[in-house]
Protein backbone atom coordinates (compact mmCIF):
# COMPACT_ATOMS: atom_id res chain seq x y z
CA MET A 1 99.93 111.23 92.75
CA GLU A 2 100.32 108.55 95.47
CA ALA A 3 97.39 106.86 96.60
CA PRO A 4 96.96 105.10 100.06
CA VAL A 5 96.74 101.46 100.56
CA GLY A 6 93.26 100.86 101.54
CA HIS A 7 90.50 98.34 102.08
CA ASP A 8 89.50 96.80 98.59
CA LEU A 9 85.96 97.79 98.82
CA ASN A 10 87.00 101.47 99.35
CA ALA A 11 89.01 101.62 96.10
CA ASP A 12 86.22 103.61 94.31
CA GLN A 13 86.45 106.42 96.96
CA ILE A 14 90.13 106.48 97.00
CA ALA A 15 90.15 106.78 93.17
CA TYR A 16 87.82 109.66 93.26
CA TRP A 17 89.30 111.57 96.03
CA ASN A 18 92.84 111.23 94.38
CA GLY A 19 91.57 112.40 90.97
CA PRO A 20 90.15 115.56 89.58
CA GLY A 21 87.35 115.53 92.25
CA GLY A 22 89.65 115.61 95.16
CA GLN A 23 91.80 118.32 93.47
CA ARG A 24 88.81 120.48 93.03
CA TRP A 25 87.95 120.19 96.66
CA ALA A 26 91.57 121.16 97.59
CA ASP A 27 91.56 124.17 95.17
CA ARG A 28 88.30 125.33 96.97
CA GLN A 29 89.88 124.76 100.51
CA GLN A 30 89.58 128.44 101.54
CA SER A 31 86.03 128.84 100.32
CA GLN A 32 84.76 125.53 101.84
CA ASP A 33 86.41 126.15 105.22
CA ILE A 34 84.43 129.40 105.40
CA VAL A 35 81.13 127.82 104.21
CA LEU A 36 81.47 124.70 106.67
CA ALA A 37 82.84 126.96 109.60
CA PRO A 38 79.47 126.71 111.53
CA VAL A 39 79.75 122.84 111.38
CA ALA A 40 83.19 122.80 112.63
CA ASP A 41 82.44 125.08 115.53
CA LEU A 42 79.39 123.12 116.49
CA LEU A 43 81.35 119.66 116.30
CA ILE A 44 84.35 120.98 118.13
CA ASP A 45 82.08 122.26 120.85
CA ARG A 46 80.30 118.78 121.28
CA ALA A 47 83.60 116.94 121.15
CA ARG A 48 85.07 118.96 123.98
CA PRO A 49 88.87 118.60 123.17
CA ALA A 50 90.96 119.12 126.10
CA ALA A 51 94.76 120.09 126.56
CA GLY A 52 97.07 117.24 126.34
CA GLU A 53 94.69 114.94 124.57
CA ARG A 54 95.68 112.67 121.60
CA ILE A 55 92.94 113.08 118.88
CA VAL A 56 92.39 111.62 115.29
CA ASP A 57 90.51 113.60 112.74
CA VAL A 58 89.04 110.99 110.26
CA GLY A 59 88.60 112.16 106.72
CA CYS A 60 90.37 115.41 107.67
CA GLY A 61 90.37 116.82 104.12
CA SER A 62 92.26 120.04 103.90
CA GLY A 63 92.72 120.14 107.68
CA ALA A 64 90.72 122.91 109.03
CA VAL A 65 89.20 120.77 111.74
CA SER A 66 92.67 119.23 112.63
CA VAL A 67 94.11 122.65 113.02
CA ALA A 68 91.37 123.89 115.32
CA LEU A 69 91.82 120.73 117.42
CA ALA A 70 95.59 121.10 117.67
CA GLN A 71 95.13 124.68 118.83
CA LYS A 72 92.79 123.13 121.59
CA VAL A 73 95.00 120.39 122.86
CA GLY A 74 98.15 122.61 122.93
CA PRO A 75 101.95 121.49 122.99
CA GLY A 76 101.08 118.57 125.27
CA GLY A 77 98.61 116.97 122.88
CA HIS A 78 98.63 115.49 119.41
CA VAL A 79 96.25 115.54 116.34
CA LEU A 80 96.63 113.13 113.68
CA GLY A 81 94.63 114.05 110.45
CA ILE A 82 94.00 110.88 108.28
CA ASP A 83 92.45 111.05 104.78
CA ILE A 84 92.51 109.10 101.51
CA SER A 85 92.90 112.22 99.35
CA GLY A 86 96.47 113.12 98.42
CA PRO A 87 95.43 116.48 96.86
CA MET A 88 93.51 117.59 100.04
CA LEU A 89 96.31 116.55 102.45
CA ALA A 90 98.74 118.32 100.25
CA ARG A 91 96.68 121.46 100.86
CA ALA A 92 96.37 120.66 104.51
CA ARG A 93 100.14 120.50 105.05
CA GLN A 94 100.55 123.84 103.04
CA VAL A 95 98.05 125.95 105.08
CA ALA A 96 98.50 124.35 108.50
CA PRO A 97 100.37 126.90 110.79
CA SER A 98 103.85 125.87 111.92
CA GLY A 99 104.53 124.72 115.31
CA LEU A 100 101.11 122.98 116.02
CA PRO A 101 101.05 119.55 117.41
CA VAL A 102 99.39 118.19 114.19
CA GLU A 103 100.46 115.80 111.47
CA PHE A 104 98.71 114.44 108.35
CA VAL A 105 98.81 110.82 107.04
CA LEU A 106 97.60 109.50 103.67
CA ALA A 107 95.78 106.37 104.74
CA ASP A 108 92.35 104.44 104.91
CA ALA A 109 91.12 104.54 108.55
CA THR A 110 89.48 101.26 107.72
CA VAL A 111 92.80 99.54 107.92
CA TYR A 112 95.27 102.01 109.34
CA PRO A 113 97.24 100.39 112.19
CA PHE A 114 96.34 102.68 115.17
CA VAL A 115 98.34 102.01 118.13
CA PRO A 116 95.62 100.12 120.50
CA ALA A 117 94.15 102.17 123.32
CA SER A 118 96.26 105.31 122.65
CA LEU A 119 93.66 107.86 121.67
CA ASP A 120 91.34 110.14 123.70
CA LEU A 121 89.06 111.25 120.98
CA LEU A 122 87.89 110.59 117.33
CA VAL A 123 86.48 113.45 115.36
CA SER A 124 85.13 113.76 111.96
CA ARG A 125 83.40 116.47 109.94
CA PHE A 126 81.67 114.52 107.03
CA GLY A 127 84.48 112.05 106.67
CA VAL A 128 82.90 108.80 107.86
CA MET A 129 79.88 108.40 105.48
CA PHE A 130 82.00 107.03 102.84
CA PHE A 131 83.18 103.61 104.35
CA ALA A 132 82.19 100.67 102.33
CA GLU A 133 82.02 98.45 105.44
CA PRO A 134 81.34 100.86 108.17
CA VAL A 135 81.18 98.50 110.99
CA ARG A 136 84.58 97.15 110.19
CA SER A 137 85.91 100.73 109.88
CA PHE A 138 84.56 101.93 113.25
CA ALA A 139 85.70 98.83 114.92
CA ASN A 140 89.30 99.60 113.79
CA LEU A 141 88.97 103.27 115.06
CA ARG A 142 87.54 102.08 118.23
CA ARG A 143 90.54 99.79 118.75
CA GLY A 144 92.82 102.93 118.76
CA LEU A 145 90.75 104.57 121.51
CA LYS A 146 91.48 104.14 125.34
CA PRO A 147 88.68 102.66 127.39
CA SER A 148 87.81 106.08 128.32
CA GLY A 149 87.93 107.49 124.86
CA ARG A 150 85.11 109.15 123.05
CA LEU A 151 83.71 109.83 119.51
CA ALA A 152 82.08 112.92 117.87
CA PHE A 153 81.26 113.35 114.28
CA ALA A 154 78.92 115.36 111.98
CA CYS A 155 76.95 113.80 109.05
CA TRP A 156 74.21 114.88 106.84
CA ARG A 157 70.57 114.25 107.49
CA GLU A 158 67.95 113.38 104.71
CA PRO A 159 68.51 115.13 101.44
CA ARG A 160 65.09 116.70 101.55
CA GLU A 161 66.14 118.55 104.75
CA ASN A 162 69.10 119.97 102.78
CA PRO A 163 68.57 122.68 100.41
CA PHE A 164 72.42 123.23 100.71
CA PHE A 165 72.66 120.26 98.39
CA MET A 166 69.47 119.88 96.75
CA ALA A 167 68.60 123.50 95.51
CA PRO A 168 71.46 123.47 93.04
CA LEU A 169 71.08 119.93 92.08
CA GLN A 170 67.15 120.06 91.35
CA ALA A 171 67.93 122.98 89.03
CA VAL A 172 70.61 121.02 87.15
CA TYR A 173 68.03 118.03 86.95
CA LYS A 174 65.92 120.27 84.49
CA HIS A 175 68.73 119.70 81.89
CA VAL A 176 70.56 116.42 82.74
CA PRO A 177 69.62 112.84 83.67
CA LYS A 178 69.52 112.37 87.36
CA LEU A 179 72.80 110.77 89.02
CA PRO A 180 72.66 107.01 89.82
CA GLN A 181 70.47 106.24 92.74
CA VAL A 182 72.54 105.53 95.77
CA GLY A 183 71.12 102.82 98.07
CA PRO A 184 70.71 103.48 101.88
CA GLU A 185 73.52 101.12 102.74
CA GLU A 186 76.02 102.53 100.15
CA PRO A 187 78.78 105.07 100.75
CA GLY A 188 77.75 108.72 100.00
CA PRO A 189 76.93 111.96 101.60
CA PHE A 190 73.65 110.84 103.02
CA ALA A 191 74.71 107.27 104.08
CA PHE A 192 74.27 108.24 107.74
CA ALA A 193 71.00 110.22 107.35
CA SER A 194 69.13 107.38 109.04
CA GLU A 195 69.35 107.45 112.95
CA ALA A 196 68.55 103.76 113.19
CA ARG A 197 71.34 102.90 110.81
CA VAL A 198 74.00 104.92 112.64
CA GLN A 199 72.91 103.50 116.00
CA ARG A 200 73.23 100.08 114.65
CA ILE A 201 76.74 100.54 113.04
CA LEU A 202 78.19 102.12 116.12
CA GLY A 203 76.58 99.58 118.41
CA GLU A 204 77.93 96.71 116.35
CA ALA A 205 81.42 98.33 116.27
CA GLY A 206 81.32 98.33 120.11
CA PHE A 207 80.51 101.87 120.84
CA THR A 208 78.04 102.76 123.88
CA GLY A 209 76.26 105.88 124.99
CA ILE A 210 75.39 106.73 121.33
CA ALA A 211 73.62 110.08 121.02
CA MET A 212 72.42 111.83 117.93
CA GLU A 213 71.70 115.66 118.05
CA PRO A 214 69.85 117.01 115.15
CA CYS A 215 71.20 120.49 114.25
CA ASN A 216 69.78 122.96 111.75
CA LEU A 217 72.32 125.33 110.26
CA SER A 218 72.41 128.03 107.60
CA LEU A 219 75.57 127.68 105.47
CA ASP A 220 76.48 130.89 103.05
CA VAL A 221 77.42 129.15 99.95
CA ALA A 222 78.52 132.58 98.40
CA VAL A 223 81.07 133.11 101.22
CA GLY A 224 79.98 136.80 101.35
CA ARG A 225 80.97 137.25 97.68
CA GLY A 226 77.40 137.54 96.09
CA LEU A 227 75.19 135.39 93.84
CA ASP A 228 77.95 134.79 91.08
CA ALA A 229 80.27 133.17 93.61
CA ALA A 230 77.38 130.94 94.97
CA VAL A 231 76.60 129.70 91.36
CA GLN A 232 80.23 129.20 90.71
CA GLY A 233 80.69 127.01 93.68
CA ALA A 234 77.75 124.76 92.82
CA LEU A 235 79.37 124.35 89.39
CA GLU A 236 82.77 123.26 90.90
CA ILE A 237 82.15 120.81 93.60
CA GLY A 238 79.11 118.91 95.13
CA PRO A 239 76.39 116.94 93.43
CA ALA A 240 75.34 119.53 90.85
CA ALA A 241 78.79 119.69 89.59
CA ARG A 242 79.03 115.86 89.28
CA ALA A 243 75.69 115.72 87.43
CA LEU A 244 76.96 118.36 84.92
CA ALA A 245 80.35 116.59 84.37
CA GLU A 246 81.01 115.83 80.64
CA GLN A 247 77.94 117.75 79.64
CA PRO A 248 78.28 120.03 76.51
CA PRO A 249 78.79 123.62 77.00
CA GLU A 250 75.24 124.65 75.91
CA VAL A 251 73.80 122.44 78.65
CA VAL A 252 76.16 123.67 81.30
CA ALA A 253 75.12 127.30 80.41
CA SER A 254 71.45 126.48 80.53
CA ALA A 255 71.92 124.77 83.92
CA THR A 256 73.95 127.66 85.27
CA ASN A 257 70.89 129.88 84.50
CA SER A 258 68.75 127.59 86.47
CA ILE A 259 70.92 127.28 89.33
CA ARG A 260 71.00 131.14 89.43
CA GLU A 261 67.18 131.15 89.41
CA ALA A 262 67.20 128.69 92.25
CA LEU A 263 69.49 130.54 94.47
CA THR A 264 68.19 134.02 93.83
CA PRO A 265 65.30 133.54 96.52
CA PHE A 266 67.98 132.91 99.14
CA LEU A 267 70.11 136.02 98.42
CA SER A 268 70.59 138.31 101.37
CA GLY A 269 73.01 141.13 100.63
CA GLN A 270 76.23 139.32 99.49
CA SER A 271 75.31 136.21 101.19
CA VAL A 272 73.31 133.13 99.96
CA PRO A 273 72.51 131.04 103.08
CA LEU A 274 71.03 127.83 102.57
CA PRO A 275 69.39 125.49 105.00
CA ALA A 276 71.36 122.58 106.01
CA ALA A 277 70.54 119.71 108.46
CA ILE A 278 73.12 117.55 110.09
CA TRP A 279 73.61 115.11 113.01
CA ILE A 280 76.11 115.69 115.64
CA VAL A 281 76.82 112.13 116.79
CA THR A 282 78.66 111.42 120.05
CA ALA A 283 79.50 108.12 121.70
CA ARG A 284 81.89 106.44 124.11
CA ALA A 285 84.47 103.69 123.40
CA GLY A 286 83.57 101.54 126.31
């Protein structure tokens, strides 16, 4: 599948999201949109998209937030969903309702030639923590914003505050070596967990009025389908799945039992709600 031209230091991320990893996320689009709907709702509420606005959804994935934004801006507006993952964008184009003012582009936001001062709003749900040089990336994005433009994105807080990630992963670590340690300045899900780091990055990229709102959510990893569905989701995508990659069947079977044990205390009817801790970050272009 075609991969985007990107910043050299983002090559590893581009390779991952255009390989089997990106395809697994695309395949789970419907379930993941349900799991992450509380995040999308909160983000869109804080972003305040208005009729007629021009918006970019950074790291748009399979397009759920882009579609929701397009419904807000109406026919007089426009939403551009940008992502490095060909498989996820293919899914976005497949599921987006026809007639909405939304388009999707396979590109790296670090180097994409946005029309200067043309955008009202930048939005991202978990799409900006993977930049290798985040100051450069955000500076490029900011150049696309009007002087009155604004930014709103969601990112994860510390791992210890996120059983959503860590409950399945800690269960898997009883059976396999830990994943390579990711440094605090390296791309990854928790790269923006530090409030001080986010403030510094956005400030150096030229943003002002930076605010970070801590939000605590409960995300149903079973999507209302019971414990089996929750366990299966942990085995298909996310850090627990990565830790189990290429392990022999007997190890996967043992780890699966441990995941089930770890998630059982959270079971409520057919739901398995796990605590999730995020930042909603907002800022202005000028």
